[in-house]
Amino acid sequence: GGFLNFNKSQYFVSLDSIKVLNQDTITFKFDYINSGKGSLTISEVITSCSCTVSDFSGIIVRPLGKGTIHLKTTVSSLLSKRKLYATVKSNAVNDYLVLRIIPI
């Protein structure tokens, strides 16, 4: 079957760097590859709170196929030092993976 690999599954975000941003939202990119021998289907991305959304919709990923999941969150939620999570659900061998955005 398929095997989902993210080249980076978490971001540590400096609160000092966020404070200087003149924007209400910030987007994080999570690049992935199917390193398994079979195709896989990413069925959904479930975020831990309503302050974070994903632009993702169901997709089939062939072996060695690549893609990106974007998570968009509010700057205010990061400034409140809230850890944000998104669970990636698929039919891969590793069927549930967690992406993290952690303010420091």
N, C-alpha and C. Protein backbone atom coordinates (compact mmCIF):
# COMPACT_ATOMS: atom_id res chain seq x y z
N GLY A 1 0.81 -1.20 0.00
CA GLY A 1 0.00 0.00 0.00
C GLY A 1 0.84 1.25 0.00
N GLY A 2 0.16 2.36 0.08
CA GLY A 2 0.85 3.64 0.13
C GLY A 2 1.41 3.94 1.50
N PHE A 3 2.38 4.84 1.54
CA PHE A 3 2.98 5.27 2.80
C PHE A 3 3.22 6.76 2.71
N LEU A 4 2.58 7.52 3.60
CA LEU A 4 2.61 8.97 3.55
C LEU A 4 3.78 9.52 4.38
N ASN A 5 4.65 10.29 3.73
CA ASN A 5 5.79 10.91 4.39
C ASN A 5 5.73 12.41 4.24
N PHE A 6 5.84 13.13 5.35
CA PHE A 6 5.94 14.58 5.31
C PHE A 6 7.40 14.96 5.52
N ASN A 7 7.91 15.91 4.71
CA ASN A 7 9.31 16.29 4.91
C ASN A 7 9.45 17.13 6.18
N LYS A 8 8.34 17.70 6.65
CA LYS A 8 8.31 18.44 7.92
C LYS A 8 6.91 18.30 8.47
N SER A 9 6.78 17.75 9.68
CA SER A 9 5.44 17.55 10.24
C SER A 9 5.12 18.53 11.37
N GLN A 10 6.09 19.39 11.71
CA GLN A 10 5.79 20.40 12.72
C GLN A 10 6.62 21.65 12.49
N TYR A 11 6.03 22.77 12.90
CA TYR A 11 6.70 24.06 12.86
C TYR A 11 6.76 24.60 14.28
N PHE A 12 7.92 25.11 14.66
CA PHE A 12 8.06 25.87 15.90
C PHE A 12 8.07 27.33 15.49
N VAL A 13 7.12 28.10 16.02
CA VAL A 13 6.92 29.47 15.58
C VAL A 13 7.32 30.43 16.69
N SER A 14 8.27 31.31 16.39
CA SER A 14 8.71 32.32 17.35
C SER A 14 7.64 33.39 17.52
N LEU A 15 7.20 33.59 18.74
CA LEU A 15 6.18 34.61 19.00
C LEU A 15 6.71 36.01 18.66
N ASP A 16 8.00 36.23 18.86
CA ASP A 16 8.58 37.54 18.52
C ASP A 16 8.47 37.82 17.03
N SER A 17 8.67 36.80 16.20
CA SER A 17 8.58 37.02 14.76
C SER A 17 7.14 37.24 14.31
N ILE A 18 6.18 36.65 15.02
CA ILE A 18 4.77 36.81 14.67
C ILE A 18 4.28 38.21 15.02
N LYS A 19 4.77 38.74 16.12
CA LYS A 19 4.32 40.05 16.59
C LYS A 19 4.59 41.16 15.57
N VAL A 20 5.63 41.00 14.76
CA VAL A 20 5.96 42.05 13.79
C VAL A 20 5.18 41.92 12.48
N LEU A 21 4.46 40.82 12.32
CA LEU A 21 3.65 40.63 11.12
C LEU A 21 2.45 41.57 11.14
N ASN A 22 2.21 42.20 10.02
CA ASN A 22 1.06 43.09 9.93
C ASN A 22 -0.06 42.38 9.18
N GLN A 23 -0.51 41.25 9.73
CA GLN A 23 -1.56 40.47 9.09
C GLN A 23 -2.34 39.70 10.14
N ASP A 24 -3.52 39.27 9.77
CA ASP A 24 -4.40 38.56 10.71
C ASP A 24 -4.22 37.05 10.67
N THR A 25 -3.75 36.54 9.52
CA THR A 25 -3.59 35.09 9.37
C THR A 25 -2.20 34.75 8.87
N ILE A 26 -1.83 33.51 9.06
CA ILE A 26 -0.55 33.00 8.58
C ILE A 26 -0.77 31.57 8.08
N THR A 27 -0.09 31.20 6.98
CA THR A 27 -0.27 29.89 6.37
C THR A 27 1.02 29.08 6.47
N PHE A 28 0.88 27.82 6.82
CA PHE A 28 2.02 26.90 6.93
C PHE A 28 1.87 25.82 5.88
N LYS A 29 3.00 25.47 5.25
CA LYS A 29 3.04 24.47 4.17
C LYS A 29 3.62 23.17 4.69
N PHE A 30 2.92 22.08 4.43
CA PHE A 30 3.39 20.74 4.79
C PHE A 30 3.47 19.92 3.51
N ASP A 31 4.68 19.69 3.00
CA ASP A 31 4.90 18.92 1.78
C ASP A 31 4.96 17.44 2.09
N TYR A 32 4.37 16.63 1.21
CA TYR A 32 4.37 15.18 1.42
C TYR A 32 4.71 14.44 0.14
N ILE A 33 5.08 13.16 0.33
CA ILE A 33 5.32 12.24 -0.78
C ILE A 33 4.75 10.88 -0.38
N ASN A 34 4.23 10.16 -1.35
CA ASN A 34 3.81 8.77 -1.13
C ASN A 34 5.02 7.90 -1.42
N SER A 35 5.68 7.43 -0.37
CA SER A 35 6.89 6.62 -0.56
C SER A 35 6.59 5.12 -0.57
N GLY A 36 5.30 4.76 -0.61
CA GLY A 36 4.92 3.35 -0.67
C GLY A 36 4.83 2.83 -2.09
N LYS A 37 4.50 1.56 -2.22
CA LYS A 37 4.44 0.91 -3.54
C LYS A 37 3.07 1.03 -4.20
N GLY A 38 2.04 1.42 -3.43
CA GLY A 38 0.70 1.55 -3.99
C GLY A 38 0.16 2.96 -3.83
N SER A 39 -0.93 3.22 -4.54
CA SER A 39 -1.58 4.53 -4.42
C SER A 39 -2.22 4.65 -3.04
N LEU A 40 -2.43 5.89 -2.60
CA LEU A 40 -3.14 6.13 -1.35
C LEU A 40 -4.11 7.28 -1.56
N THR A 41 -5.12 7.33 -0.72
CA THR A 41 -6.10 8.41 -0.76
C THR A 41 -6.08 9.15 0.56
N ILE A 42 -5.83 10.45 0.50
CA ILE A 42 -5.97 11.30 1.69
C ILE A 42 -7.42 11.73 1.71
N SER A 43 -8.15 11.29 2.73
CA SER A 43 -9.59 11.54 2.75
C SER A 43 -9.97 12.83 3.45
N GLU A 44 -9.23 13.21 4.49
CA GLU A 44 -9.57 14.46 5.16
C GLU A 44 -8.43 14.94 6.04
N VAL A 45 -8.49 16.24 6.36
CA VAL A 45 -7.56 16.86 7.30
C VAL A 45 -8.44 17.51 8.37
N ILE A 46 -8.31 17.03 9.61
CA ILE A 46 -9.15 17.49 10.71
C ILE A 46 -8.32 18.39 11.62
N THR A 47 -8.71 19.66 11.75
CA THR A 47 -7.96 20.59 12.58
C THR A 47 -8.46 20.58 14.01
N SER A 48 -7.58 20.99 14.93
CA SER A 48 -7.89 20.92 16.36
C SER A 48 -8.79 22.04 16.85
N CYS A 49 -8.94 23.10 16.07
CA CYS A 49 -9.82 24.19 16.49
C CYS A 49 -10.33 24.95 15.26
N SER A 50 -11.37 25.73 15.48
CA SER A 50 -11.96 26.48 14.35
C SER A 50 -11.06 27.62 13.89
N CYS A 51 -10.02 27.95 14.65
CA CYS A 51 -9.10 29.02 14.26
C CYS A 51 -8.13 28.57 13.17
N THR A 52 -8.12 27.28 12.85
CA THR A 52 -7.21 26.73 11.84
C THR A 52 -8.02 26.00 10.77
N VAL A 53 -7.72 26.29 9.52
CA VAL A 53 -8.41 25.63 8.41
C VAL A 53 -7.39 25.07 7.43
N SER A 54 -7.82 24.07 6.70
CA SER A 54 -7.00 23.46 5.66
C SER A 54 -7.65 23.71 4.31
N ASP A 55 -6.82 23.93 3.29
CA ASP A 55 -7.33 24.10 1.94
C ASP A 55 -7.46 22.77 1.23
N PHE A 56 -7.34 21.70 2.00
CA PHE A 56 -7.25 20.37 1.43
C PHE A 56 -8.61 19.78 1.10
N SER A 57 -8.67 19.06 0.00
CA SER A 57 -9.84 18.23 -0.31
C SER A 57 -9.32 16.88 -0.77
N GLY A 58 -10.13 15.84 -0.65
CA GLY A 58 -9.71 14.47 -0.94
C GLY A 58 -8.94 14.32 -2.24
N ILE A 59 -7.88 13.54 -2.19
CA ILE A 59 -7.01 13.39 -3.35
C ILE A 59 -6.38 12.00 -3.35
N ILE A 60 -6.16 11.46 -4.54
CA ILE A 60 -5.44 10.19 -4.71
C ILE A 60 -3.99 10.52 -5.04
N VAL A 61 -3.07 9.86 -4.33
CA VAL A 61 -1.64 10.10 -4.52
C VAL A 61 -0.99 8.81 -5.00
N ARG A 62 -0.47 8.82 -6.19
CA ARG A 62 0.20 7.65 -6.77
C ARG A 62 1.56 7.44 -6.11
N PRO A 63 2.18 6.26 -6.24
CA PRO A 63 3.52 6.04 -5.68
C PRO A 63 4.49 7.12 -6.19
N LEU A 64 5.26 7.66 -5.27
CA LEU A 64 6.23 8.75 -5.50
C LEU A 64 5.55 10.08 -5.85
N GLY A 65 4.21 10.12 -5.76
CA GLY A 65 3.48 11.37 -5.97
C GLY A 65 3.70 12.32 -4.81
N LYS A 66 3.72 13.60 -5.11
CA LYS A 66 3.98 14.64 -4.10
C LYS A 66 2.82 15.62 -4.05
N GLY A 67 2.72 16.32 -2.95
CA GLY A 67 1.70 17.35 -2.80
C GLY A 67 1.97 18.18 -1.57
N THR A 68 1.06 19.09 -1.29
CA THR A 68 1.20 20.01 -0.16
C THR A 68 -0.15 20.18 0.53
N ILE A 69 -0.12 20.20 1.83
CA ILE A 69 -1.28 20.57 2.63
C ILE A 69 -0.96 21.91 3.27
N HIS A 70 -1.85 22.88 3.09
CA HIS A 70 -1.70 24.20 3.71
C HIS A 70 -2.62 24.30 4.91
N LEU A 71 -2.07 24.77 6.02
CA LEU A 71 -2.87 25.06 7.19
C LEU A 71 -2.80 26.55 7.45
N LYS A 72 -3.96 27.17 7.51
CA LYS A 72 -4.05 28.62 7.73
C LYS A 72 -4.65 28.85 9.10
N THR A 73 -3.99 29.70 9.89
CA THR A 73 -4.46 29.97 11.24
C THR A 73 -4.39 31.46 11.53
N THR A 74 -5.00 31.85 12.62
CA THR A 74 -4.98 33.26 13.00
C THR A 74 -3.72 33.57 13.81
N VAL A 75 -3.20 34.76 13.61
CA VAL A 75 -2.04 35.20 14.38
C VAL A 75 -2.41 35.27 15.86
N SER A 76 -3.62 35.70 16.16
CA SER A 76 -4.04 35.81 17.57
C SER A 76 -4.04 34.46 18.28
N SER A 77 -4.38 33.39 17.57
CA SER A 77 -4.37 32.07 18.22
C SER A 77 -2.94 31.64 18.55
N LEU A 78 -1.99 31.99 17.71
CA LEU A 78 -0.59 31.67 18.00
C LEU A 78 -0.06 32.54 19.14
N LEU A 79 -0.46 33.81 19.16
CA LEU A 79 -0.01 34.70 20.23
C LEU A 79 -0.57 34.28 21.59
N SER A 80 -1.69 33.56 21.59
CA SER A 80 -2.23 33.05 22.85
C SER A 80 -1.51 31.78 23.29
N LYS A 81 -0.45 31.43 22.55
CA LYS A 81 0.42 30.27 22.85
C LYS A 81 -0.32 28.94 22.73
N ARG A 82 -1.35 28.92 21.91
CA ARG A 82 -2.11 27.69 21.68
C ARG A 82 -1.35 26.80 20.70
N LYS A 83 -1.17 25.53 21.06
CA LYS A 83 -0.60 24.56 20.12
C LYS A 83 -1.70 24.12 19.18
N LEU A 84 -1.41 24.11 17.89
CA LEU A 84 -2.40 23.76 16.89
C LEU A 84 -2.04 22.43 16.24
N TYR A 85 -3.05 21.61 16.00
CA TYR A 85 -2.85 20.29 15.42
C TYR A 85 -3.80 20.07 14.25
N ALA A 86 -3.37 19.23 13.34
CA ALA A 86 -4.25 18.77 12.27
C ALA A 86 -3.96 17.29 12.05
N THR A 87 -4.99 16.49 12.02
CA THR A 87 -4.85 15.06 11.79
C THR A 87 -5.15 14.77 10.32
N VAL A 88 -4.19 14.11 9.66
CA VAL A 88 -4.34 13.75 8.25
C VAL A 88 -4.80 12.30 8.21
N LYS A 89 -5.98 12.09 7.65
CA LYS A 89 -6.58 10.75 7.59
C LYS A 89 -6.46 10.23 6.16
N SER A 90 -5.94 9.00 6.03
CA SER A 90 -5.78 8.40 4.70
C SER A 90 -5.92 6.89 4.80
N ASN A 91 -5.83 6.22 3.66
CA ASN A 91 -5.84 4.76 3.66
C ASN A 91 -4.43 4.20 3.52
N ALA A 92 -3.43 5.01 3.83
CA ALA A 92 -2.04 4.55 3.78
C ALA A 92 -1.76 3.58 4.92
N VAL A 93 -0.62 2.92 4.87
CA VAL A 93 -0.21 2.03 5.95
C VAL A 93 -0.19 2.81 7.26
N ASN A 94 0.33 4.02 7.23
CA ASN A 94 0.32 4.93 8.39
C ASN A 94 -0.88 5.87 8.23
N ASP A 95 -2.06 5.37 8.56
CA ASP A 95 -3.32 6.02 8.17
C ASP A 95 -3.68 7.30 8.89
N TYR A 96 -3.14 7.55 10.08
CA TYR A 96 -3.40 8.81 10.79
C TYR A 96 -2.07 9.46 11.13
N LEU A 97 -1.86 10.67 10.64
CA LEU A 97 -0.65 11.42 10.94
C LEU A 97 -1.05 12.78 11.50
N VAL A 98 -0.25 13.31 12.42
CA VAL A 98 -0.55 14.59 13.04
C VAL A 98 0.47 15.63 12.60
N LEU A 99 -0.04 16.77 12.14
CA LEU A 99 0.78 17.93 11.81
C LEU A 99 0.64 18.92 12.98
N ARG A 100 1.73 19.59 13.35
CA ARG A 100 1.72 20.46 14.51
C ARG A 100 2.29 21.84 14.18
N ILE A 101 1.68 22.86 14.80
CA ILE A 101 2.20 24.22 14.78
C ILE A 101 2.32 24.63 16.23
N ILE A 102 3.56 24.87 16.68
CA ILE A 102 3.81 25.08 18.11
C ILE A 102 4.47 26.44 18.33
N PRO A 103 3.77 27.36 19.00
CA PRO A 103 4.37 28.66 19.30
C PRO A 103 5.40 28.53 20.42
N ILE A 104 6.52 29.24 20.28
CA ILE A 104 7.56 29.20 21.32
C ILE A 104 7.97 30.62 21.70
